[in-house]
PDB file of N, CA and C in Angstrom:
ATOM      1  N   MET A   1     171.939  59.450 -92.731  1.00  0.00           N
ATOM      2  CA  MET A   1     172.481  60.838 -92.668  1.00  0.00           C
ATOM      3  C   MET A   1     173.984  60.764 -92.808  1.00  0.00           C
ATOM      4  N   ASN A   2     174.538  61.707 -93.929  1.00  0.00           N
ATOM      5  CA  ASN A   2     176.056  61.844 -94.139  1.00  0.00           C
ATOM      6  C   ASN A   2     176.581  63.124 -93.395  1.00  0.00           C
ATOM      7  N   ILE A   3     177.239  63.189 -92.401  1.00  0.00           N
ATOM      8  CA  ILE A   3     177.622  64.009 -92.026  1.00  0.00           C
ATOM      9  C   ILE A   3     178.801  64.411 -92.273  1.00  0.00           C
ATOM     10  N   LYS A   4     179.345  65.629 -92.371  1.00  0.00           N
ATOM     11  CA  LYS A   4     180.364  65.842 -92.945  1.00  0.00           C
ATOM     12  C   LYS A   4     180.948  67.235 -92.212  1.00  0.00           C
ATOM     13  N   VAL A   5     182.706  66.894 -91.918  1.00  0.00           N
ATOM     14  CA  VAL A   5     183.250  67.782 -90.981  1.00  0.00           C
ATOM     15  C   VAL A   5     184.204  68.649 -91.885  1.00  0.00           C
ATOM     16  N   SER A   6     184.258  70.088 -91.787  1.00  0.00           N
ATOM     17  CA  SER A   6     185.134  70.814 -92.476  1.00  0.00           C
ATOM     18  C   SER A   6     186.406  71.076 -91.507  1.00  0.00           C
ATOM     19  N   THR A   7     187.681  71.031 -91.548  1.00  0.00           N
ATOM     20  CA  THR A   7     188.790  71.836 -90.874  1.00  0.00           C
ATOM     21  C   THR A   7     190.024  71.908 -91.574  1.00  0.00           C
ATOM     22  N   ASN A   8     190.841  72.697 -91.106  1.00  0.00           N
ATOM     23  CA  ASN A   8     192.062  73.089 -92.019  1.00  0.00           C
ATOM     24  C   ASN A   8     193.286  72.726 -90.676  1.00  0.00           C
ATOM     25  N   ASP A   9     192.690  71.758 -89.616  1.00  0.00           N
ATOM     26  CA  ASP A   9     193.675  71.397 -88.844  1.00  0.00           C
ATOM     27  C   ASP A   9     194.724  69.931 -89.378  1.00  0.00           C
ATOM     28  N   PHE A  10     195.843  70.023 -89.691  1.00  0.00           N
ATOM     29  CA  PHE A  10     196.115  68.751 -89.828  1.00  0.00           C
ATOM     30  C   PHE A  10     196.156  67.366 -88.899  1.00  0.00           C
ATOM     31  N   TYR A  11     196.338  68.041 -87.868  1.00  0.00           N
ATOM     32  CA  TYR A  11     196.176  66.800 -86.748  1.00  0.00           C
ATOM     33  C   TYR A  11     194.709  66.303 -86.584  1.00  0.00           C
ATOM     34  N   GLU A  12     193.826  67.026 -86.577  1.00  0.00           N
ATOM     35  CA  GLU A  12     192.587  66.915 -86.633  1.00  0.00           C
ATOM     36  C   GLU A  12     192.116  65.918 -87.395  1.00  0.00           C
ATOM     37  N   THR A  13     192.295  66.141 -88.934  1.00  0.00           N
ATOM     38  CA  THR A  13     192.258  65.430 -90.076  1.00  0.00           C
ATOM     39  C   THR A  13     192.674  64.050 -89.817  1.00  0.00           C
ATOM     40  N   ALA A  14     194.223  64.092 -89.627  1.00  0.00           N
ATOM     41  CA  ALA A  14     194.796  62.937 -89.301  1.00  0.00           C
ATOM     42  C   ALA A  14     194.173  61.794 -88.336  1.00  0.00           C
ATOM     43  N   TYR A  15     193.914  62.599 -87.208  1.00  0.00           N
ATOM     44  CA  TYR A  15     192.896  61.740 -85.966  1.00  0.00           C
ATOM     45  C   TYR A  15     191.530  60.957 -86.698  1.00  0.00           C
ATOM     46  N   TYR A  16     190.873  61.831 -87.498  1.00  0.00           N
ATOM     47  CA  TYR A  16     189.792  61.373 -87.707  1.00  0.00           C
ATOM     48  C   TYR A  16     190.258  60.013 -89.227  1.00  0.00           C
ATOM     49  N   LEU A  17     191.175  60.262 -89.791  1.00  0.00           N
ATOM     50  CA  LEU A  17     191.428  59.134 -91.001  1.00  0.00           C
ATOM     51  C   LEU A  17     192.257  58.042 -90.176  1.00  0.00           C
ATOM     52  N   LEU A  18     192.771  58.368 -89.086  1.00  0.00           N
ATOM     53  CA  LEU A  18     193.398  56.826 -88.302  1.00  0.00           C
ATOM     54  C   LEU A  18     192.098  56.186 -87.520  1.00  0.00           C
ATOM     55  N   ASN A  19     190.896  56.686 -87.688  1.00  0.00           N
ATOM     56  CA  ASN A  19     189.913  56.186 -86.815  1.00  0.00           C
ATOM     57  C   ASN A  19     188.735  55.972 -87.869  1.00  0.00           C
ATOM     58  N   GLY A  20     189.077  55.431 -88.937  1.00  0.00           N
ATOM     59  CA  GLY A  20     188.148  54.849 -90.261  1.00  0.00           C
ATOM     60  C   GLY A  20     187.363  55.956 -91.162  1.00  0.00           C
ATOM     61  N   CYS A  21     187.375  57.428 -90.761  1.00  0.00           N
ATOM     62  CA  CYS A  21     186.918  58.102 -91.587  1.00  0.00           C
ATOM     63  C   CYS A  21     187.708  58.546 -92.949  1.00  0.00           C
ATOM     64  N   GLU A  22     187.032  59.341 -93.817  1.00  0.00           N
ATOM     65  CA  GLU A  22     187.748  59.363 -95.189  1.00  0.00           C
ATOM     66  C   GLU A  22     187.922  61.241 -95.700  1.00  0.00           C
ATOM     67  N   VAL A  23     188.808  61.301 -96.298  1.00  0.00           N
ATOM     68  CA  VAL A  23     188.624  62.949 -97.023  1.00  0.00           C
ATOM     69  C   VAL A  23     187.698  62.586 -98.191  1.00  0.00           C
ATOM     70  N   VAL A  24     186.709  63.620 -98.481  1.00  0.00           N
ATOM     71  CA  VAL A  24     185.929  63.532 -99.662  1.00  0.00           C
ATOM     72  C   VAL A  24     186.573  64.616-100.463  1.00  0.00           C
ATOM     73  N   ASP A  25     187.274  65.711-100.056  1.00  0.00           N
ATOM     74  CA  ASP A  25     187.458  67.242-100.733  1.00  0.00           C
ATOM     75  C   ASP A  25     188.339  67.918 -99.921  1.00  0.00           C
ATOM     76  N   ILE A  26     189.553  68.294-100.649  1.00  0.00           N
ATOM     77  CA  ILE A  26     190.129  69.438-100.070  1.00  0.00           C
ATOM     78  C   ILE A  26     189.429  70.709-100.917  1.00  0.00           C
ATOM     79  N   ALA A  27     188.940  71.725-100.229  1.00  0.00           N
ATOM     80  CA  ALA A  27     188.629  72.707-100.931  1.00  0.00           C
ATOM     81  C   ALA A  27     189.151  73.975-100.396  1.00  0.00           C
ATOM     82  N   GLY A  28     189.572  74.875-101.395  1.00  0.00           N
ATOM     83  CA  GLY A  28     190.460  76.071-101.002  1.00  0.00           C
ATOM     84  C   GLY A  28     189.627  77.263-101.165  1.00  0.00           C
ATOM     85  N   VAL A  29     189.832  78.289-100.493  1.00  0.00           N
ATOM     86  CA  VAL A  29     189.616  79.473-100.855  1.00  0.00           C
ATOM     87  C   VAL A  29     190.556  80.721-100.312  1.00  0.00           C
ATOM     88  N   LYS A  30     190.590  81.706-101.349  1.00  0.00           N
ATOM     89  CA  LYS A  30     191.655  83.010-101.364  1.00  0.00           C
ATOM     90  C   LYS A  30     191.150  83.928-100.322  1.00  0.00           C
ATOM     91  N   VAL A  31     192.092  84.215 -99.079  1.00  0.00           N
ATOM     92  CA  VAL A  31     191.705  84.765 -97.770  1.00  0.00           C
ATOM     93  C   VAL A  31     193.056  85.981 -97.705  1.00  0.00           C
ATOM     94  N   ASN A  32     192.577  87.223 -98.051  1.00  0.00           N
ATOM     95  CA  ASN A  32     193.954  88.184 -97.440  1.00  0.00           C
ATOM     96  C   ASN A  32     194.939  87.707 -98.453  1.00  0.00           C
ATOM     97  N   GLY A  33     195.022  87.534 -99.970  1.00  0.00           N
ATOM     98  CA  GLY A  33     195.819  87.078-100.719  1.00  0.00           C
ATOM     99  C   GLY A  33     196.495  85.465-100.545  1.00  0.00           C
ATOM    100  N   LYS A  34     196.291  84.737 -99.979  1.00  0.00           N
ATOM    101  CA  LYS A  34     196.639  83.269 -99.445  1.00  0.00           C
ATOM    102  C   LYS A  34     195.724  82.396 -99.678  1.00  0.00           C
ATOM    103  N   ILE A  35     195.876  81.379 -99.867  1.00  0.00           N
ATOM    104  CA  ILE A  35     195.061  80.067-100.007  1.00  0.00           C
ATOM    105  C   ILE A  35     194.647  79.205 -98.914  1.00  0.00           C
ATOM    106  N   ILE A  36     193.775  79.000 -98.399  1.00  0.00           N
ATOM    107  CA  ILE A  36     193.249  78.642 -96.977  1.00  0.00           C
ATOM    108  C   ILE A  36     192.493  77.304 -97.675  1.00  0.00           C
ATOM    109  N   CYS A  37     193.490  76.178 -96.849  1.00  0.00           N
ATOM    110  CA  CYS A  37     192.476  74.857 -97.618  1.00  0.00           C
ATOM    111  C   CYS A  37     191.969  74.191 -96.010  1.00  0.00           C
ATOM    112  N   ASN A  38     190.631  73.738 -96.487  1.00  0.00           N
ATOM    113  CA  ASN A  38     189.858  72.817 -95.851  1.00  0.00           C
ATOM    114  C   ASN A  38     189.708  71.667 -96.049  1.00  0.00           C
ATOM    115  N   CYS A  39     189.900  70.471 -94.849  1.00  0.00           N
ATOM    116  CA  CYS A  39     189.649  69.012 -95.537  1.00  0.00           C
ATOM    117  C   CYS A  39     188.259  68.790 -95.408  1.00  0.00           C
ATOM    118  N   ILE A  40     187.825  68.074 -95.818  1.00  0.00           N
ATOM    119  CA  ILE A  40     185.992  67.948 -95.715  1.00  0.00           C
ATOM    120  C   ILE A  40     186.057  66.195 -95.601  1.00  0.00           C
ATOM    121  N   ILE A  41     185.862  65.805 -94.375  1.00  0.00           N
ATOM    122  CA  ILE A  41     185.844  64.657 -93.874  1.00  0.00           C
ATOM    123  C   ILE A  41     184.290  63.940 -93.493  1.00  0.00           C
ATOM    124  N   THR A  42     184.440  62.848 -93.910  1.00  0.00           N
ATOM    125  CA  THR A  42     182.924  62.141 -93.569  1.00  0.00           C
ATOM    126  C   THR A  42     183.507  60.500 -92.960  1.00  0.00           C
ATOM    127  N   GLY A  43     182.413  59.990 -92.419  1.00  0.00           N
ATOM    128  CA  GLY A  43     182.489  58.644 -91.762  1.00  0.00           C
ATOM    129  C   GLY A  43     181.477  58.535 -90.928  1.00  0.00           C
ATOM    130  N   ASP A  44     181.317  57.124 -90.338  1.00  0.00           N
ATOM    131  CA  ASP A  44     180.158  56.738 -89.977  1.00  0.00           C
ATOM    132  C   ASP A  44     180.525  57.190 -88.616  1.00  0.00           C
ATOM    133  N   ASN A  45     181.360  57.271 -87.938  1.00  0.00           N
ATOM    134  CA  ASN A  45     181.393  57.879 -86.522  1.00  0.00           C
ATOM    135  C   ASN A  45     181.858  59.004 -86.288  1.00  0.00           C
ATOM    136  N   ILE A  46     181.853  60.073 -87.009  1.00  0.00           N
ATOM    137  CA  ILE A  46     182.476  61.485 -87.356  1.00  0.00           C
ATOM    138  C   ILE A  46     182.246  62.294 -86.365  1.00  0.00           C
ATOM    139  N   SER A  47     180.735  62.464 -85.907  1.00  0.00           N
ATOM    140  CA  SER A  47     180.438  63.173 -84.687  1.00  0.00           C
ATOM    141  C   SER A  47     180.775  62.854 -83.403  1.00  0.00           C
ATOM    142  N   GLU A  48     181.200  61.504 -83.121  1.00  0.00           N
ATOM    143  CA  GLU A  48     181.594  61.187 -81.924  1.00  0.00           C
ATOM    144  C   GLU A  48     183.471  61.649 -81.779  1.00  0.00           C
ATOM    145  N   LEU A  49     183.999  61.454 -83.048  1.00  0.00           N
ATOM    146  CA  LEU A  49     185.427  61.776 -82.960  1.00  0.00           C
ATOM    147  C   LEU A  49     185.446  63.205 -82.934  1.00  0.00           C
ATOM    148  N   GLN A  50     184.540  63.923 -83.435  1.00  0.00           N
ATOM    149  CA  GLN A  50     184.921  65.313 -83.254  1.00  0.00           C
ATOM    150  C   GLN A  50     184.417  65.759 -81.991  1.00  0.00           C
ATOM    151  N   LEU A  51     183.811  65.271 -81.448  1.00  0.00           N
ATOM    152  CA  LEU A  51     183.473  65.555 -80.112  1.00  0.00           C
ATOM    153  C   LEU A  51     184.748  65.341 -79.134  1.00  0.00           C
ATOM    154  N   ALA A  52     185.165  63.995 -79.185  1.00  0.00           N
ATOM    155  CA  ALA A  52     186.392  63.308 -78.427  1.00  0.00           C
ATOM    156  C   ALA A  52     187.693  64.401 -78.764  1.00  0.00           C
ATOM    157  N   TYR A  53     187.616  64.445 -79.996  1.00  0.00           N
ATOM    158  CA  TYR A  53     189.021  65.555 -80.113  1.00  0.00           C
ATOM    159  C   TYR A  53     189.127  66.881 -79.714  1.00  0.00           C
ATOM    160  N   LEU A  54     187.638  67.615 -79.769  1.00  0.00           N
ATOM    161  CA  LEU A  54     187.369  68.995 -79.556  1.00  0.00           C
ATOM    162  C   LEU A  54     187.664  69.371 -77.738  1.00  0.00           C
ATOM    163  N   ASN A  55     187.063  67.987 -77.416  1.00  0.00           N
ATOM    164  CA  ASN A  55     187.097  67.929 -75.494  1.00  0.00           C
ATOM    165  C   ASN A  55     188.522  67.498 -75.215  1.00  0.00           C
ATOM    166  N   GLY A  56     189.551  67.206 -75.974  1.00  0.00           N
ATOM    167  CA  GLY A  56     190.684  66.614 -75.541  1.00  0.00           C
ATOM    168  C   GLY A  56     190.728  65.662 -74.889  1.00  0.00           C
ATOM    169  N   LYS A  57     189.890  64.441 -75.694  1.00  0.00           N
ATOM    170  CA  LYS A  57     189.940  63.481 -75.100  1.00  0.00           C
ATOM    171  C   LYS A  57     190.421  62.332 -76.360  1.00  0.00           C
ATOM    172  N   ALA A  58     191.081  62.721 -77.538  1.00  0.00           N
ATOM    173  CA  ALA A  58     191.216  62.145 -78.656  1.00  0.00           C
ATOM    174  C   ALA A  58     192.760  61.278 -78.091  1.00  0.00           C
ATOM    175  N   GLU A  59     192.659  59.605 -78.442  1.00  0.00           N
ATOM    176  CA  GLU A  59     194.011  59.275 -78.494  1.00  0.00           C
ATOM    177  C   GLU A  59     194.146  58.889 -79.433  1.00  0.00           C
ATOM    178  N   ALA A  60     195.660  58.848 -79.842  1.00  0.00           N
ATOM    179  CA  ALA A  60     196.244  58.021 -81.329  1.00  0.00           C
ATOM    180  C   ALA A  60     197.755  57.736 -80.977  1.00  0.00           C
ATOM    181  N   ASN A  61     198.025  56.350 -81.512  1.00  0.00           N
ATOM    182  CA  ASN A  61     199.548  55.956 -81.984  1.00  0.00           C
ATOM    183  C   ASN A  61     200.264  57.268 -82.766  1.00  0.00           C
ATOM    184  N   ILE A  62     201.293  57.607 -81.722  1.00  0.00           N
ATOM    185  CA  ILE A  62     202.025  59.034 -82.102  1.00  0.00           C
ATOM    186  C   ILE A  62     202.861  58.609 -83.320  1.00  0.00           C
ATOM    187  N   LEU A  63     203.167  57.537 -83.363  1.00  0.00           N
ATOM    188  CA  LEU A  63     204.029  57.017 -84.835  1.00  0.00           C
ATOM    189  C   LEU A  63     202.592  56.965 -86.143  1.00  0.00           C
ATOM    190  N   SER A  64     201.714  56.652 -85.895  1.00  0.00           N
ATOM    191  CA  SER A  64     200.900  56.521 -86.896  1.00  0.00           C
ATOM    192  C   SER A  64     200.394  57.945 -87.096  1.00  0.00           C
ATOM    193  N   LEU A  65     200.049  59.037 -86.238  1.00  0.00           N
ATOM    194  CA  LEU A  65     199.467  60.177 -86.107  1.00  0.00           C
ATOM    195  C   LEU A  65     200.432  60.995 -86.897  1.00  0.00           C
ATOM    196  N   ARG A  66     201.890  60.820 -87.004  1.00  0.00           N
ATOM    197  CA  ARG A  66     202.638  61.642 -87.301  1.00  0.00           C
ATOM    198  C   ARG A  66     203.049  61.217 -88.857  1.00  0.00           C
ATOM    199  N   ARG A  67     202.990  60.077 -89.050  1.00  0.00           N
ATOM    200  CA  ARG A  67     202.978  59.567 -90.516  1.00  0.00           C
ATOM    201  C   ARG A  67     201.751  60.075 -91.059  1.00  0.00           C
ATOM    202  N   MET A  68     200.398  60.169 -90.503  1.00  0.00           N
ATOM    203  CA  MET A  68     199.057  60.682 -91.510  1.00  0.00           C
ATOM    204  C   MET A  68     198.869  62.052 -91.411  1.00  0.00           C
ATOM    205  N   VAL A  69     200.027  62.807 -90.556  1.00  0.00           N
ATOM    206  CA  VAL A  69     199.822  64.413 -90.751  1.00  0.00           C
ATOM    207  C   VAL A  69     200.379  64.856 -91.692  1.00  0.00           C
ATOM    208  N   GLY A  70     202.068  64.026 -91.834  1.00  0.00           N
ATOM    209  CA  GLY A  70     202.741  64.035 -92.996  1.00  0.00           C
ATOM    210  C   GLY A  70     202.096  63.765 -94.383  1.00  0.00           C
ATOM    211  N   GLN A  71     201.060  62.659 -94.506  1.00  0.00           N
ATOM    212  CA  GLN A  71     200.514  62.563 -95.574  1.00  0.00           C
ATOM    213  C   GLN A  71     199.342  63.583 -96.143  1.00  0.00           C
ATOM    214  N   VAL A  72     198.376  64.196 -95.214  1.00  0.00           N
ATOM    215  CA  VAL A  72     197.448  65.268 -95.127  1.00  0.00           C
ATOM    216  C   VAL A  72     198.227  66.443 -95.446  1.00  0.00           C
ATOM    217  N   SER A  73     199.750  66.787 -94.778  1.00  0.00           N
ATOM    218  CA  SER A  73     200.572  67.794 -95.522  1.00  0.00           C
ATOM    219  C   SER A  73     200.427  67.990 -96.737  1.00  0.00           C
ATOM    220  N   ALA A  74     201.110  66.701 -97.307  1.00  0.00           N
ATOM    221  CA  ALA A  74     201.286  66.431 -98.848  1.00  0.00           C
ATOM    222  C   ALA A  74     199.936  66.886 -99.489  1.00  0.00           C
ATOM    223  N   TRP A  75     199.083  65.810 -99.299  1.00  0.00           N
ATOM    224  CA  TRP A  75     197.706  66.277 -99.851  1.00  0.00           C
ATOM    225  C   TRP A  75     197.108  68.037-100.119  1.00  0.00           C
ATOM    226  N   VAL A  76     197.391  68.669 -98.940  1.00  0.00           N
ATOM    227  CA  VAL A  76     196.906  70.092 -98.598  1.00  0.00           C
ATOM    228  C   VAL A  76     197.797  70.491 -99.607  1.00  0.00           C
ATOM    229  N   HIS A  77     199.220  70.649 -99.349  1.00  0.00           N
ATOM    230  CA  HIS A  77     200.074  71.173-100.290  1.00  0.00           C
ATOM    231  C   HIS A  77     199.820  71.107-102.054  1.00  0.00           C
ATOM    232  N   THR A  78     199.470  69.629-102.006  1.00  0.00           N
ATOM    233  CA  THR A  78     199.076  69.737-103.841  1.00  0.00           C
ATOM    234  C   THR A  78     197.775  70.080-104.003  1.00  0.00           C
ATOM    235  N   ALA A  79     196.490  70.300-103.082  1.00  0.00           N
ATOM    236  CA  ALA A  79     195.426  70.919-103.441  1.00  0.00           C
ATOM    237  C   ALA A  79     195.835  72.644-103.550  1.00  0.00           C
ATOM    238  N   LYS A  80     196.897  73.106-102.820  1.00  0.00           N
ATOM    239  CA  LYS A  80     197.118  74.373-103.012  1.00  0.00           C
ATOM    240  C   LYS A  80     197.210  74.821-104.140  1.00  0.00           C
ATOM    241  N   LYS A  81     198.584  73.959-104.540  1.00  0.00           N
ATOM    242  CA  LYS A  81     199.223  74.182-105.845  1.00  0.00           C
ATOM    243  C   LYS A  81     198.126  74.518-107.070  1.00  0.00           C
ATOM    244  N   LYS A  82     197.306  73.324-107.037  1.00  0.00           N
ATOM    245  CA  LYS A  82     196.146  73.235-107.887  1.00  0.00           C
ATOM    246  C   LYS A  82     195.280  74.421-108.123  1.00  0.00           C
ATOM    247  N   ILE A  83     194.873  74.599-106.949  1.00  0.00           N
ATOM    248  CA  ILE A  83     193.986  75.930-106.680  1.00  0.00           C
ATOM    249  C   ILE A  83     194.494  77.266-106.745  1.00  0.00           C
ATOM    250  N   LYS A  84     195.745  77.357-106.454  1.00  0.00           N
ATOM    251  CA  LYS A  84     196.350  78.505-107.051  1.00  0.00           C
ATOM    252  C   LYS A  84     196.500  78.233-108.740  1.00  0.00           C
ATOM    253  N   ASN A  85     196.987  77.598-109.575  1.00  0.00           N
ATOM    254  CA  ASN A  85     197.155  77.408-110.954  1.00  0.00           C
ATOM    255  C   ASN A  85     195.354  77.629-111.512  1.00  0.00           C
ATOM    256  N   GLN A  86     194.389  77.251-110.768  1.00  0.00           N
ATOM    257  CA  GLN A  86     193.281  77.588-111.576  1.00  0.00           C
ATOM    258  C   GLN A  86     192.748  79.067-111.275  1.00  0.00           C
ATOM    259  N   LEU A  87     192.901  79.663-110.180  1.00  0.00           N
ATOM    260  CA  LEU A  87     192.785  80.938-109.779  1.00  0.00           C
ATOM    261  C   LEU A  87     193.700  81.983-110.980  1.00  0.00           C
ATOM    262  N   ILE A  88     195.034  81.367-111.444  1.00  0.00           N
ATOM    263  CA  ILE A  88     195.596  82.530-112.078  1.00  0.00           C
ATOM    264  C   ILE A  88     195.191  82.272-113.729  1.00  0.00           C
ATOM    265  N   GLN A  89     194.650  81.063-113.623  1.00  0.00           N
ATOM    266  CA  GLN A  89     194.061  81.058-115.225  1.00  0.00           C
ATOM    267  C   GLN A  89     192.463  81.575-115.481  1.00  0.00           C
ATOM    268  N   GLN A  90     192.055  81.875-114.200  1.00  0.00           N
ATOM    269  CA  GLN A  90     190.527  82.385-114.502  1.00  0.00           C
ATOM    270  C   GLN A  90     191.019  84.013-115.079  1.00  0.00           C
ATOM    271  N   PRO A  91     189.873  84.185-116.037  1.00  0.00           N
ATOM    272  CA  PRO A  91     190.304  85.988-116.429  1.00  0.00           C
ATOM    273  C   PRO A  91     189.928  87.033-115.454  1.00  0.00           C
ATOM    274  N   PRO A  92     190.149  87.921-115.308  1.00  0.00           N
ATOM    275  CA  PRO A  92     189.783  88.594-114.383  1.00  0.00           C
ATOM    276  C   PRO A  92     188.433  89.439-114.555  1.00  0.00           C
ATOM    277  N   GLU A  93     187.662  89.512-113.425  1.00  0.00           N
ATOM    278  CA  GLU A  93     186.139  90.049-113.572  1.00  0.00           C
ATOM    279  C   GLU A  93     186.494  91.478-113.862  1.00  0.00           C
ATOM    280  N   PRO A  94     185.207  91.859-114.600  1.00  0.00           N
ATOM    281  CA  PRO A  94     185.341  93.265-115.067  1.00  0.00           C
ATOM    282  C   PRO A  94     185.445  94.148-113.933  1.00  0.00           C
ATOM    283  N   GLY A  95     186.168  95.408-114.150  1.00  0.00           N
ATOM    284  CA  GLY A  95     186.498  95.983-112.912  1.00  0.00           C
ATOM    285  C   GLY A  95     187.158  95.778-112.016  1.00  0.00           C
ATOM    286  N   GLY A  96     187.394  94.574-112.044  1.00  0.00           N
ATOM    287  CA  GLY A  96     188.252  94.031-110.489  1.00  0.00           C
ATOM    288  C   GLY A  96     189.827  94.057-111.193  1.00  0.00           C
ATOM    289  N   ILE A  97     190.666  93.339-110.159  1.00  0.00           N
ATOM    290  CA  ILE A  97     191.938  93.107-110.593  1.00  0.00           C
ATOM    291  C   ILE A  97     192.502  92.079-111.051  1.00  0.00           C
ATOM    292  N   ALA A  98     193.687  91.974-111.332  1.00  0.00           N
ATOM    293  CA  ALA A  98     194.089  90.604-112.158  1.00  0.00           C
ATOM    294  C   ALA A  98     194.938  89.798-111.338  1.00  0.00           C
ATOM    295  N   PRO A  99     194.753  88.654-111.487  1.00  0.00           N
ATOM    296  CA  PRO A  99     195.315  87.813-110.689  1.00  0.00           C
ATOM    297  C   PRO A  99     196.908  88.470-110.704  1.00  0.00           C
ATOM    298  N   GLY A 100     197.593  88.152-109.515  1.00  0.00           N
ATOM    299  CA  GLY A 100     198.818  88.731-109.463  1.00  0.00           C
ATOM    300  C   GLY A 100     198.825  90.308-109.015  1.00  0.00           C
ATOM    301  N   GLY A 101     197.783  90.951-108.821  1.00  0.00           N
ATOM    302  CA  GLY A 101     197.910  92.571-108.501  1.00  0.00           C
ATOM    303  C   GLY A 101     197.748  93.428-109.596  1.00  0.00           C
ATOM    304  N   ALA A 102     198.211  93.335-110.621  1.00  0.00           N
ATOM    305  CA  ALA A 102     198.062  93.956-112.049  1.00  0.00           C
ATOM    306  C   ALA A 102     196.528  94.211-112.391  1.00  0.00           C
ATOM    307  N   ALA A 103     196.013  95.683-112.284  1.00  0.00           N
ATOM    308  CA  ALA A 103     194.999  96.098-112.921  1.00  0.00           C
ATOM    309  C   ALA A 103     194.730  96.260-114.504  1.00  0.00           C
TER     310      ALA A 103
END
């Protein structure tokens, strides 16, 4: 079974990556005019890691975690720019509002 976890928490993502998991996608959606990105992560032990993280039992080397959070932040920033550009290039839906707010 290939379990995937979706989160927009950089620290949670970094924790999973430091424990052998991998980001398979960074998906974005527009919410209230802003783009929100979720990291989609998978790994052999993702369920156990998620339980540890959500129960406050996660442990990591602080320097490694700090560096990984920076890397995750850079990936998400790049993904947001790409998603924003894709949304701008989409033609407006009939009867909808064009990107940028003009009708």
